Amino acid sequence: MLQTAMKPRFVRLFSLMLVLVAAFIWLGKWQWGTANNEANQKVLEEASQRTREPLDAVIKPQTPFDNSTSLQPITVTGRYDTSKTELVAGRVLEGKHGWWVMTPLVVDSTGARLPIVRGFVDKTTNIPKPPSGTVTVEGALAPGESVSTMDALPPGQIGTIDMGLLLNKWDGRVYNAFIFSTDQQPATRVKPGETTPEHIPPPVPRTTHIEWRNAAYAIQWWVFAVFAVFMWVKLVRDEHHLEIAADESRVDENNEQDHTTPSEDDSPSDVTTPPTGERKDDR
């Protein structure tokens, strides 16, 4: 079969098949990417159309987090408990490595503590304290993070916003969520020499859903790629079988000719015929 595949005609078809397969795979990947992008774009549009809600209308203290409320814009009023400020280590913002500044807000309506990520800093000194009075914070709601796998950290630092850890460290009730602060009234006053925490853009919402129409197109292109390979193999195999059949036919014809052609051994032997005019002796 390899000899059949190496014929010039099939080599040319093989080259064409490779071009088609590469094109079909690329088109499939493009459609698959489009399927995911369109789904994510819908999520972004839905998120941008969300109206800002009071915290109490979205989540209650020490209740399970509803994933459908992730990155929900909220507003909440309370007082910061500055004695429990934590630096969340191992964070990156615009290529800079540093810490999140997280301070619990004692919510006026419930008295429970809600972690507020006030911003990002690239050093741990001269961080300004939030206002001491009542503040109104606007931001995006987020679920607590998993348990930290970091090695031991200095006092005042944690690896993740682990709600179980915070519940053990803080007194009273705690919300099972935290806030990426985007605005605050009144704003934090920064004194000369202090580091201004940079606001952290809330993470872009993502989805695991896809647009099935584009996904079907992607699968269709990949099926075409498999079909192109199948057709080339089929053509080579069919040609190979025809060659085998032709060879067997020639062998059969040769065998038939060998059986029908007389050989020298099969030629009639000489027979002596008695003379026709010979007389028998009279007795």
C-alpha atoms as a PDB file:
ATOM      1  CA  MET A   1       0.000   0.000   0.000  1.00  0.00           C
ATOM      2  CA  LEU A   2       2.937   2.313   0.639  1.00  0.00           C
ATOM      3  CA  GLN A   3       4.065   1.954  -2.960  1.00  0.00           C
ATOM      4  CA  THR A   4       0.590   2.977  -4.104  1.00  0.00           C
ATOM      5  CA  ALA A   5       0.621   6.005  -1.784  1.00  0.00           C
ATOM      6  CA  MET A   6       3.989   7.105  -3.217  1.00  0.00           C
ATOM      7  CA  LYS A   7       2.642   7.420  -6.738  1.00  0.00           C
ATOM      8  CA  PRO A   8       2.841  11.027  -8.017  1.00  0.00           C
ATOM      9  CA  ARG A   9      -0.929  11.337  -8.240  1.00  0.00           C
ATOM     10  CA  PHE A  10      -1.441  10.356  -4.603  1.00  0.00           C
ATOM     11  CA  VAL A  11       1.502  12.470  -3.429  1.00  0.00           C
ATOM     12  CA  ARG A  12      -0.185  15.494  -5.010  1.00  0.00           C
ATOM     13  CA  LEU A  13      -3.484  14.547  -3.378  1.00  0.00           C
ATOM     14  CA  PHE A  14      -1.680  14.122  -0.052  1.00  0.00           C
ATOM     15  CA  SER A  15      -0.287  17.659  -0.304  1.00  0.00           C
ATOM     16  CA  LEU A  16      -3.751  19.014  -1.086  1.00  0.00           C
ATOM     17  CA  MET A  17      -5.176  17.027   1.816  1.00  0.00           C
ATOM     18  CA  LEU A  18      -2.652  18.552   4.243  1.00  0.00           C
ATOM     19  CA  VAL A  19      -3.580  22.073   3.109  1.00  0.00           C
ATOM     20  CA  LEU A  20      -7.286  21.349   3.535  1.00  0.00           C
ATOM     21  CA  VAL A  21      -6.830  19.737   6.960  1.00  0.00           C
ATOM     22  CA  ALA A  22      -4.783  22.707   8.201  1.00  0.00           C
ATOM     23  CA  ALA A  23      -7.402  25.141   6.888  1.00  0.00           C
ATOM     24  CA  PHE A  24     -10.302  23.185   8.406  1.00  0.00           C
ATOM     25  CA  ILE A  25      -8.586  22.928  11.810  1.00  0.00           C
ATOM     26  CA  TRP A  26      -7.854  26.671  11.814  1.00  0.00           C
ATOM     27  CA  LEU A  27     -11.436  27.509  10.846  1.00  0.00           C
ATOM     28  CA  GLY A  28     -12.699  25.220  13.600  1.00  0.00           C
ATOM     29  CA  LYS A  29     -10.494  26.886  16.220  1.00  0.00           C
ATOM     30  CA  TRP A  30     -11.633  30.304  15.006  1.00  0.00           C
ATOM     31  CA  GLN A  31     -15.289  29.347  15.307  1.00  0.00           C
ATOM     32  CA  TRP A  32     -14.682  27.836  18.752  1.00  0.00           C
ATOM     33  CA  GLY A  33     -13.003  31.046  19.894  1.00  0.00           C
ATOM     34  CA  THR A  34     -15.905  33.034  18.486  1.00  0.00           C
ATOM     35  CA  ALA A  35     -18.337  30.824  20.389  1.00  0.00           C
ATOM     36  CA  ASN A  36     -16.595  31.573  23.700  1.00  0.00           C
ATOM     37  CA  ASN A  37     -16.043  35.266  22.957  1.00  0.00           C
ATOM     38  CA  GLU A  38     -19.672  35.861  22.086  1.00  0.00           C
ATOM     39  CA  ALA A  39     -20.777  34.116  25.281  1.00  0.00           C
ATOM     40  CA  ASN A  40     -18.372  36.204  27.366  1.00  0.00           C
ATOM     41  CA  GLN A  41     -19.514  39.371  25.601  1.00  0.00           C
ATOM     42  CA  LYS A  42     -23.082  38.598  26.591  1.00  0.00           C
ATOM     43  CA  VAL A  43     -21.976  38.173  30.199  1.00  0.00           C
ATOM     44  CA  LEU A  44     -20.169  41.525  30.067  1.00  0.00           C
ATOM     45  CA  GLU A  45     -23.236  43.219  28.619  1.00  0.00           C
ATOM     46  CA  GLU A  46     -25.457  41.686  31.287  1.00  0.00           C
ATOM     47  CA  ALA A  47     -23.020  42.731  34.020  1.00  0.00           C
ATOM     48  CA  SER A  48     -22.863  46.302  32.726  1.00  0.00           C
ATOM     49  CA  GLN A  49     -26.659  46.494  32.787  1.00  0.00           C
ATOM     50  CA  ARG A  50     -26.908  45.438  36.433  1.00  0.00           C
ATOM     51  CA  THR A  51     -28.262  48.137  38.694  1.00  0.00           C
ATOM     52  CA  ARG A  52     -26.483  48.921  41.940  1.00  0.00           C
ATOM     53  CA  GLU A  53     -28.208  47.236  44.872  1.00  0.00           C
ATOM     54  CA  PRO A  54     -28.032  47.771  48.632  1.00  0.00           C
ATOM     55  CA  LEU A  55     -25.964  45.071  50.310  1.00  0.00           C
ATOM     56  CA  ASP A  56     -28.907  43.870  52.416  1.00  0.00           C
ATOM     57  CA  ALA A  57     -30.901  43.143  49.257  1.00  0.00           C
ATOM     58  CA  VAL A  58     -28.167  40.850  47.914  1.00  0.00           C
ATOM     59  CA  ILE A  59     -26.651  38.934  50.846  1.00  0.00           C
ATOM     60  CA  LYS A  60     -27.177  38.429  54.573  1.00  0.00           C
ATOM     61  CA  PRO A  61     -24.482  37.792  57.205  1.00  0.00           C
ATOM     62  CA  GLN A  62     -23.156  34.220  57.443  1.00  0.00           C
ATOM     63  CA  THR A  63     -25.311  32.901  54.603  1.00  0.00           C
ATOM     64  CA  PRO A  64     -24.030  30.938  51.580  1.00  0.00           C
ATOM     65  CA  PHE A  65     -22.819  33.013  48.673  1.00  0.00           C
ATOM     66  CA  ASP A  66     -25.080  32.954  45.620  1.00  0.00           C
ATOM     67  CA  ASN A  67     -22.818  32.650  42.557  1.00  0.00           C
ATOM     68  CA  SER A  68     -25.333  34.547  40.453  1.00  0.00           C
ATOM     69  CA  THR A  69     -24.526  37.660  42.529  1.00  0.00           C
ATOM     70  CA  SER A  70     -20.787  37.529  41.772  1.00  0.00           C
ATOM     71  CA  LEU A  71     -19.532  41.005  40.775  1.00  0.00           C
ATOM     72  CA  GLN A  72     -22.955  42.484  41.504  1.00  0.00           C
ATOM     73  CA  PRO A  73     -22.586  46.277  41.982  1.00  0.00           C
ATOM     74  CA  ILE A  74     -23.579  47.124  45.543  1.00  0.00           C
ATOM     75  CA  THR A  75     -23.602  49.988  48.013  1.00  0.00           C
ATOM     76  CA  VAL A  76     -23.156  49.659  51.770  1.00  0.00           C
ATOM     77  CA  THR A  77     -22.873  52.045  54.717  1.00  0.00           C
ATOM     78  CA  GLY A  78     -20.925  51.448  57.929  1.00  0.00           C
ATOM     79  CA  ARG A  79     -17.779  52.158  59.900  1.00  0.00           C
ATOM     80  CA  TYR A  80     -14.301  50.716  59.302  1.00  0.00           C
ATOM     81  CA  ASP A  81     -12.734  48.579  62.012  1.00  0.00           C
ATOM     82  CA  THR A  82      -9.180  49.759  61.381  1.00  0.00           C
ATOM     83  CA  SER A  83      -7.727  47.521  64.113  1.00  0.00           C
ATOM     84  CA  LYS A  84      -8.344  44.477  61.928  1.00  0.00           C
ATOM     85  CA  THR A  85      -6.775  45.657  58.655  1.00  0.00           C
ATOM     86  CA  GLU A  86      -5.012  42.847  56.783  1.00  0.00           C
ATOM     87  CA  LEU A  87      -2.610  42.865  53.831  1.00  0.00           C
ATOM     88  CA  VAL A  88      -3.428  40.109  51.345  1.00  0.00           C
ATOM     89  CA  ALA A  89      -0.075  38.944  49.956  1.00  0.00           C
ATOM     90  CA  GLY A  90       0.882  37.703  46.513  1.00  0.00           C
ATOM     91  CA  ARG A  91      -1.204  40.136  44.441  1.00  0.00           C
ATOM     92  CA  VAL A  92      -0.370  41.711  41.087  1.00  0.00           C
ATOM     93  CA  LEU A  93      -1.743  44.894  39.520  1.00  0.00           C
ATOM     94  CA  GLU A  94      -0.606  46.067  36.072  1.00  0.00           C
ATOM     95  CA  GLY A  95       2.599  44.056  36.332  1.00  0.00           C
ATOM     96  CA  LYS A  96       3.460  45.249  39.848  1.00  0.00           C
ATOM     97  CA  HIS A  97       3.703  42.784  42.724  1.00  0.00           C
ATOM     98  CA  GLY A  98       2.270  43.791  46.055  1.00  0.00           C
ATOM     99  CA  TRP A  99      -0.647  43.469  48.472  1.00  0.00           C
ATOM    100  CA  TRP A 100      -4.349  44.140  48.711  1.00  0.00           C
ATOM    101  CA  VAL A 101      -5.318  46.416  51.603  1.00  0.00           C
ATOM    102  CA  MET A 102      -8.374  44.808  53.228  1.00  0.00           C
ATOM    103  CA  THR A 103     -10.250  46.344  56.146  1.00  0.00           C
ATOM    104  CA  PRO A 104     -13.550  45.086  57.602  1.00  0.00           C
ATOM    105  CA  LEU A 105     -16.540  47.390  57.480  1.00  0.00           C
ATOM    106  CA  VAL A 106     -19.038  47.075  60.339  1.00  0.00           C
ATOM    107  CA  VAL A 107     -22.311  47.373  58.431  1.00  0.00           C
ATOM    108  CA  ASP A 108     -24.773  49.785  60.039  1.00  0.00           C
ATOM    109  CA  SER A 109     -27.883  47.709  59.319  1.00  0.00           C
ATOM    110  CA  THR A 110     -26.622  44.386  60.714  1.00  0.00           C
ATOM    111  CA  GLY A 111     -23.519  45.034  62.829  1.00  0.00           C
ATOM    112  CA  ALA A 112     -21.746  42.248  60.892  1.00  0.00           C
ATOM    113  CA  ARG A 113     -18.304  42.695  59.364  1.00  0.00           C
ATOM    114  CA  LEU A 114     -17.812  42.839  55.601  1.00  0.00           C
ATOM    115  CA  PRO A 115     -14.256  42.673  54.180  1.00  0.00           C
ATOM    116  CA  ILE A 116     -13.541  45.678  51.955  1.00  0.00           C
ATOM    117  CA  VAL A 117     -10.593  45.541  49.552  1.00  0.00           C
ATOM    118  CA  ARG A 118      -9.687  49.225  49.647  1.00  0.00           C
ATOM    119  CA  GLY A 119      -6.920  49.031  47.050  1.00  0.00           C
ATOM    120  CA  PHE A 120      -3.476  47.783  46.039  1.00  0.00           C
ATOM    121  CA  VAL A 121      -0.064  48.813  47.410  1.00  0.00           C
ATOM    122  CA  ASP A 122       3.433  47.771  46.397  1.00  0.00           C
ATOM    123  CA  LYS A 123       4.932  48.340  49.852  1.00  0.00           C
ATOM    124  CA  THR A 124       3.737  47.624  53.371  1.00  0.00           C
ATOM    125  CA  THR A 125       4.664  50.896  55.062  1.00  0.00           C
ATOM    126  CA  ASN A 126       2.928  54.270  55.301  1.00  0.00           C
ATOM    127  CA  ILE A 127      -0.507  52.955  54.333  1.00  0.00           C
ATOM    128  CA  PRO A 128      -3.206  55.516  55.177  1.00  0.00           C
ATOM    129  CA  LYS A 129      -6.056  54.581  57.483  1.00  0.00           C
ATOM    130  CA  PRO A 130      -9.643  54.869  56.212  1.00  0.00           C
ATOM    131  CA  PRO A 131     -11.974  57.551  57.608  1.00  0.00           C
ATOM    132  CA  SER A 132     -13.014  57.003  61.220  1.00  0.00           C
ATOM    133  CA  GLY A 133     -16.649  57.975  60.801  1.00  0.00           C
ATOM    134  CA  THR A 134     -19.530  56.615  58.765  1.00  0.00           C
ATOM    135  CA  VAL A 135     -18.690  55.908  55.147  1.00  0.00           C
ATOM    136  CA  THR A 136     -20.638  54.748  52.124  1.00  0.00           C
ATOM    137  CA  VAL A 137     -18.769  52.272  49.962  1.00  0.00           C
ATOM    138  CA  GLU A 138     -19.590  51.334  46.387  1.00  0.00           C
ATOM    139  CA  GLY A 139     -18.056  48.314  44.732  1.00  0.00           C
ATOM    140  CA  ALA A 140     -18.447  44.829  43.295  1.00  0.00           C
ATOM    141  CA  LEU A 141     -19.403  41.821  45.384  1.00  0.00           C
ATOM    142  CA  ALA A 142     -17.117  38.757  45.273  1.00  0.00           C
ATOM    143  CA  PRO A 143     -17.089  35.337  46.979  1.00  0.00           C
ATOM    144  CA  GLY A 144     -14.470  34.397  49.545  1.00  0.00           C
ATOM    145  CA  GLU A 145     -11.273  32.741  48.338  1.00  0.00           C
ATOM    146  CA  SER A 146      -9.899  29.280  49.023  1.00  0.00           C
ATOM    147  CA  VAL A 147      -7.517  28.418  51.847  1.00  0.00           C
ATOM    148  CA  SER A 148      -4.020  29.868  51.384  1.00  0.00           C
ATOM    149  CA  THR A 149      -1.176  27.552  50.415  1.00  0.00           C
ATOM    150  CA  MET A 150       1.529  30.130  51.167  1.00  0.00           C
ATOM    151  CA  ASP A 151       4.219  29.625  53.771  1.00  0.00           C
ATOM    152  CA  ALA A 152       4.031  31.489  57.077  1.00  0.00           C
ATOM    153  CA  LEU A 153       3.511  35.217  56.521  1.00  0.00           C
ATOM    154  CA  PRO A 154       4.453  38.176  58.750  1.00  0.00           C
ATOM    155  CA  PRO A 155       1.885  39.396  61.277  1.00  0.00           C
ATOM    156  CA  GLY A 156      -0.854  41.448  59.649  1.00  0.00           C
ATOM    157  CA  GLN A 157      -0.637  39.542  56.355  1.00  0.00           C
ATOM    158  CA  ILE A 158      -2.774  36.729  54.976  1.00  0.00           C
ATOM    159  CA  GLY A 159      -2.511  34.687  51.787  1.00  0.00           C
ATOM    160  CA  THR A 160      -6.160  34.763  50.747  1.00  0.00           C
ATOM    161  CA  ILE A 161      -9.476  36.236  51.808  1.00  0.00           C
ATOM    162  CA  ASP A 162     -10.475  32.989  53.455  1.00  0.00           C
ATOM    163  CA  MET A 163     -13.809  33.599  55.163  1.00  0.00           C
ATOM    164  CA  GLY A 164     -13.297  30.726  57.615  1.00  0.00           C
ATOM    165  CA  LEU A 165      -9.994  32.237  58.737  1.00  0.00           C
ATOM    166  CA  LEU A 166     -11.500  35.710  59.087  1.00  0.00           C
ATOM    167  CA  LEU A 167     -14.447  34.345  61.046  1.00  0.00           C
ATOM    168  CA  ASN A 168     -12.010  32.888  63.586  1.00  0.00           C
ATOM    169  CA  LYS A 169      -9.917  36.088  63.758  1.00  0.00           C
ATOM    170  CA  TRP A 170     -12.770  38.603  63.953  1.00  0.00           C
ATOM    171  CA  ASP A 171     -15.430  38.943  66.583  1.00  0.00           C
ATOM    172  CA  GLY A 172     -19.122  38.573  65.838  1.00  0.00           C
ATOM    173  CA  ARG A 173     -20.788  37.798  62.547  1.00  0.00           C
ATOM    174  CA  VAL A 174     -19.093  38.003  59.161  1.00  0.00           C
ATOM    175  CA  TYR A 175     -20.479  38.226  55.617  1.00  0.00           C
ATOM    176  CA  ASN A 176     -19.537  35.292  53.397  1.00  0.00           C
ATOM    177  CA  ALA A 177     -18.273  37.695  50.709  1.00  0.00           C
ATOM    178  CA  PHE A 178     -16.063  40.730  50.227  1.00  0.00           C
ATOM    179  CA  ILE A 179     -16.167  43.955  48.227  1.00  0.00           C
ATOM    180  CA  PHE A 180     -13.808  45.365  45.604  1.00  0.00           C
ATOM    181  CA  SER A 181     -14.170  49.049  46.488  1.00  0.00           C
ATOM    182  CA  THR A 182     -14.577  51.349  43.482  1.00  0.00           C
ATOM    183  CA  ASP A 183     -15.707  54.491  45.308  1.00  0.00           C
ATOM    184  CA  GLN A 184     -16.090  55.741  48.850  1.00  0.00           C
ATOM    185  CA  GLN A 185     -17.663  58.760  50.483  1.00  0.00           C
ATOM    186  CA  PRO A 186     -15.999  60.417  52.237  1.00  0.00           C
ATOM    187  CA  ALA A 187     -12.752  59.498  50.532  1.00  0.00           C
ATOM    188  CA  THR A 188      -9.649  58.454  52.435  1.00  0.00           C
ATOM    189  CA  ARG A 189      -7.376  61.373  53.191  1.00  0.00           C
ATOM    190  CA  VAL A 190      -3.758  60.659  52.310  1.00  0.00           C
ATOM    191  CA  LYS A 191      -1.122  62.531  54.287  1.00  0.00           C
ATOM    192  CA  PRO A 192       2.238  63.506  52.796  1.00  0.00           C
ATOM    193  CA  GLY A 193       4.580  60.506  52.671  1.00  0.00           C
ATOM    194  CA  GLU A 194       1.761  57.951  52.770  1.00  0.00           C
ATOM    195  CA  THR A 195       1.117  55.424  49.999  1.00  0.00           C
ATOM    196  CA  THR A 196      -2.198  55.866  48.229  1.00  0.00           C
ATOM    197  CA  PRO A 197      -3.870  52.496  47.671  1.00  0.00           C
ATOM    198  CA  GLU A 198      -4.759  52.077  43.996  1.00  0.00           C
ATOM    199  CA  HIS A 199      -8.307  51.010  43.273  1.00  0.00           C
ATOM    200  CA  ILE A 200      -8.473  47.471  41.887  1.00  0.00           C
ATOM    201  CA  PRO A 201     -10.694  47.003  38.831  1.00  0.00           C
ATOM    202  CA  PRO A 202     -13.178  44.212  39.608  1.00  0.00           C
ATOM    203  CA  PRO A 203     -12.339  41.034  37.703  1.00  0.00           C
ATOM    204  CA  VAL A 204     -13.900  40.696  34.278  1.00  0.00           C
ATOM    205  CA  PRO A 205     -16.848  38.300  34.492  1.00  0.00           C
ATOM    206  CA  ARG A 206     -16.295  35.065  32.633  1.00  0.00           C
ATOM    207  CA  THR A 207     -18.536  32.195  31.732  1.00  0.00           C
ATOM    208  CA  THR A 208     -18.121  28.531  30.911  1.00  0.00           C
ATOM    209  CA  HIS A 209     -21.078  28.701  28.542  1.00  0.00           C
ATOM    210  CA  ILE A 210     -20.598  28.835  24.785  1.00  0.00           C
ATOM    211  CA  GLU A 211     -22.628  29.876  21.775  1.00  0.00           C
ATOM    212  CA  TRP A 212     -23.781  26.535  20.393  1.00  0.00           C
ATOM    213  CA  ARG A 213     -24.281  27.825  16.867  1.00  0.00           C
ATOM    214  CA  ASN A 214     -20.623  28.761  16.508  1.00  0.00           C
ATOM    215  CA  ALA A 215     -19.572  25.652  18.402  1.00  0.00           C
ATOM    216  CA  ALA A 216     -21.493  23.545  15.871  1.00  0.00           C
ATOM    217  CA  TYR A 217     -19.653  25.317  13.057  1.00  0.00           C
ATOM    218  CA  ALA A 218     -16.352  24.522  14.751  1.00  0.00           C
ATOM    219  CA  ILE A 219     -17.211  20.852  15.074  1.00  0.00           C
ATOM    220  CA  GLN A 220     -18.335  20.848  11.440  1.00  0.00           C
ATOM    221  CA  TRP A 221     -14.953  22.152  10.239  1.00  0.00           C
ATOM    222  CA  TRP A 222     -13.115  19.526  12.307  1.00  0.00           C
ATOM    223  CA  VAL A 223     -15.323  16.805  10.821  1.00  0.00           C
ATOM    224  CA  PHE A 224     -14.352  18.087   7.371  1.00  0.00           C
ATOM    225  CA  ALA A 225     -10.678  17.736   8.350  1.00  0.00           C
ATOM    226  CA  VAL A 226     -11.204  14.120   9.417  1.00  0.00           C
ATOM    227  CA  PHE A 227     -13.203  13.447   6.237  1.00  0.00           C
ATOM    228  CA  ALA A 228     -10.376  14.807   4.051  1.00  0.00           C
ATOM    229  CA  VAL A 229      -7.931  12.363   5.643  1.00  0.00           C
ATOM    230  CA  PHE A 230     -10.452   9.541   5.315  1.00  0.00           C
ATOM    231  CA  MET A 231     -11.010  10.220   1.608  1.00  0.00           C
ATOM    232  CA  TRP A 232      -7.281  10.217   0.825  1.00  0.00           C
ATOM    233  CA  VAL A 233      -6.773   6.933   2.671  1.00  0.00           C
ATOM    234  CA  LYS A 234      -9.823   5.448   0.927  1.00  0.00           C
ATOM    235  CA  LEU A 235      -8.559   6.430  -2.526  1.00  0.00           C
ATOM    236  CA  VAL A 236      -5.148   4.905  -1.841  1.00  0.00           C
ATOM    237  CA  ARG A 237      -6.686   1.751  -0.400  1.00  0.00           C
ATOM    238  CA  ASP A 238      -9.103   1.328  -3.317  1.00  0.00           C
ATOM    239  CA  GLU A 239      -6.269   1.802  -5.818  1.00  0.00           C
ATOM    240  CA  HIS A 240      -4.178  -0.719  -3.923  1.00  0.00           C
ATOM    241  CA  HIS A 241      -6.982  -3.274  -4.008  1.00  0.00           C
ATOM    242  CA  LEU A 242      -7.416  -2.736  -7.766  1.00  0.00           C
ATOM    243  CA  GLU A 243      -3.700  -3.354  -8.274  1.00  0.00           C
ATOM    244  CA  ILE A 244      -3.892  -6.567  -6.256  1.00  0.00           C
ATOM    245  CA  ALA A 245      -6.920  -7.719  -8.266  1.00  0.00           C
ATOM    246  CA  ALA A 246      -5.124  -6.936 -11.535  1.00  0.00           C
ATOM    247  CA  ASP A 247      -2.060  -8.903 -10.445  1.00  0.00           C
ATOM    248  CA  GLU A 248      -4.191 -11.881  -9.474  1.00  0.00           C
ATOM    249  CA  SER A 249      -6.011 -11.728 -12.810  1.00  0.00           C
ATOM    250  CA  ARG A 250      -2.735 -11.817 -14.732  1.00  0.00           C
ATOM    251  CA  VAL A 251      -1.570 -14.804 -12.701  1.00  0.00           C
ATOM    252  CA  ASP A 252      -4.810 -16.659 -13.468  1.00  0.00           C
ATOM    253  CA  GLU A 253      -4.474 -15.954 -17.181  1.00  0.00           C
ATOM    254  CA  ASN A 254      -0.923 -17.263 -17.229  1.00  0.00           C
ATOM    255  CA  ASN A 255      -2.007 -20.409 -15.433  1.00  0.00           C
ATOM    256  CA  GLU A 256      -4.798 -21.012 -17.939  1.00  0.00           C
ATOM    257  CA  GLN A 257      -2.400 -20.605 -20.855  1.00  0.00           C
ATOM    258  CA  ASP A 258      -0.014 -23.101 -19.292  1.00  0.00           C
ATOM    259  CA  HIS A 259      -2.815 -25.679 -19.060  1.00  0.00           C
ATOM    260  CA  THR A 260      -4.122 -25.268 -22.658  1.00  0.00           C
ATOM    261  CA  THR A 261      -0.793 -25.224 -24.624  1.00  0.00           C
ATOM    262  CA  PRO A 262       0.374 -28.819 -25.611  1.00  0.00           C
ATOM    263  CA  SER A 263       3.789 -29.842 -24.416  1.00  0.00           C
ATOM    264  CA  GLU A 264       6.357 -31.954 -26.289  1.00  0.00           C
ATOM    265  CA  ASP A 265       5.730 -34.909 -23.996  1.00  0.00           C
ATOM    266  CA  ASP A 266       2.030 -34.829 -24.843  1.00  0.00           C
ATOM    267  CA  SER A 267       2.627 -35.149 -28.715  1.00  0.00           C
ATOM    268  CA  PRO A 268       1.342 -38.444 -30.309  1.00  0.00           C
ATOM    269  CA  SER A 269       3.982 -41.240 -30.496  1.00  0.00           C
ATOM    270  CA  ASP A 270       4.878 -42.989 -33.826  1.00  0.00           C
ATOM    271  CA  VAL A 271       2.812 -46.147 -34.446  1.00  0.00           C
ATOM    272  CA  THR A 272       3.864 -48.756 -37.001  1.00  0.00           C
ATOM    273  CA  THR A 273       0.975 -49.676 -39.285  1.00  0.00           C
ATOM    274  CA  PRO A 274       1.085 -53.130 -40.838  1.00  0.00           C
ATOM    275  CA  PRO A 275       1.143 -53.234 -44.626  1.00  0.00           C
ATOM    276  CA  THR A 276      -2.299 -53.487 -46.063  1.00  0.00           C
ATOM    277  CA  GLY A 277      -1.353 -55.875 -48.869  1.00  0.00           C
ATOM    278  CA  GLU A 278       0.364 -58.574 -46.800  1.00  0.00           C
ATOM    279  CA  ARG A 279      -0.866 -62.206 -47.453  1.00  0.00           C
ATOM    280  CA  LYS A 280      -1.049 -64.898 -44.812  1.00  0.00           C
ATOM    281  CA  ASP A 281       0.816 -68.113 -45.405  1.00  0.00           C
ATOM    282  CA  ASP A 282      -1.397 -70.985 -46.517  1.00  0.00           C
ATOM    283  CA  ARG A 283      -1.112 -73.926 -44.222  1.00  0.00           C
END
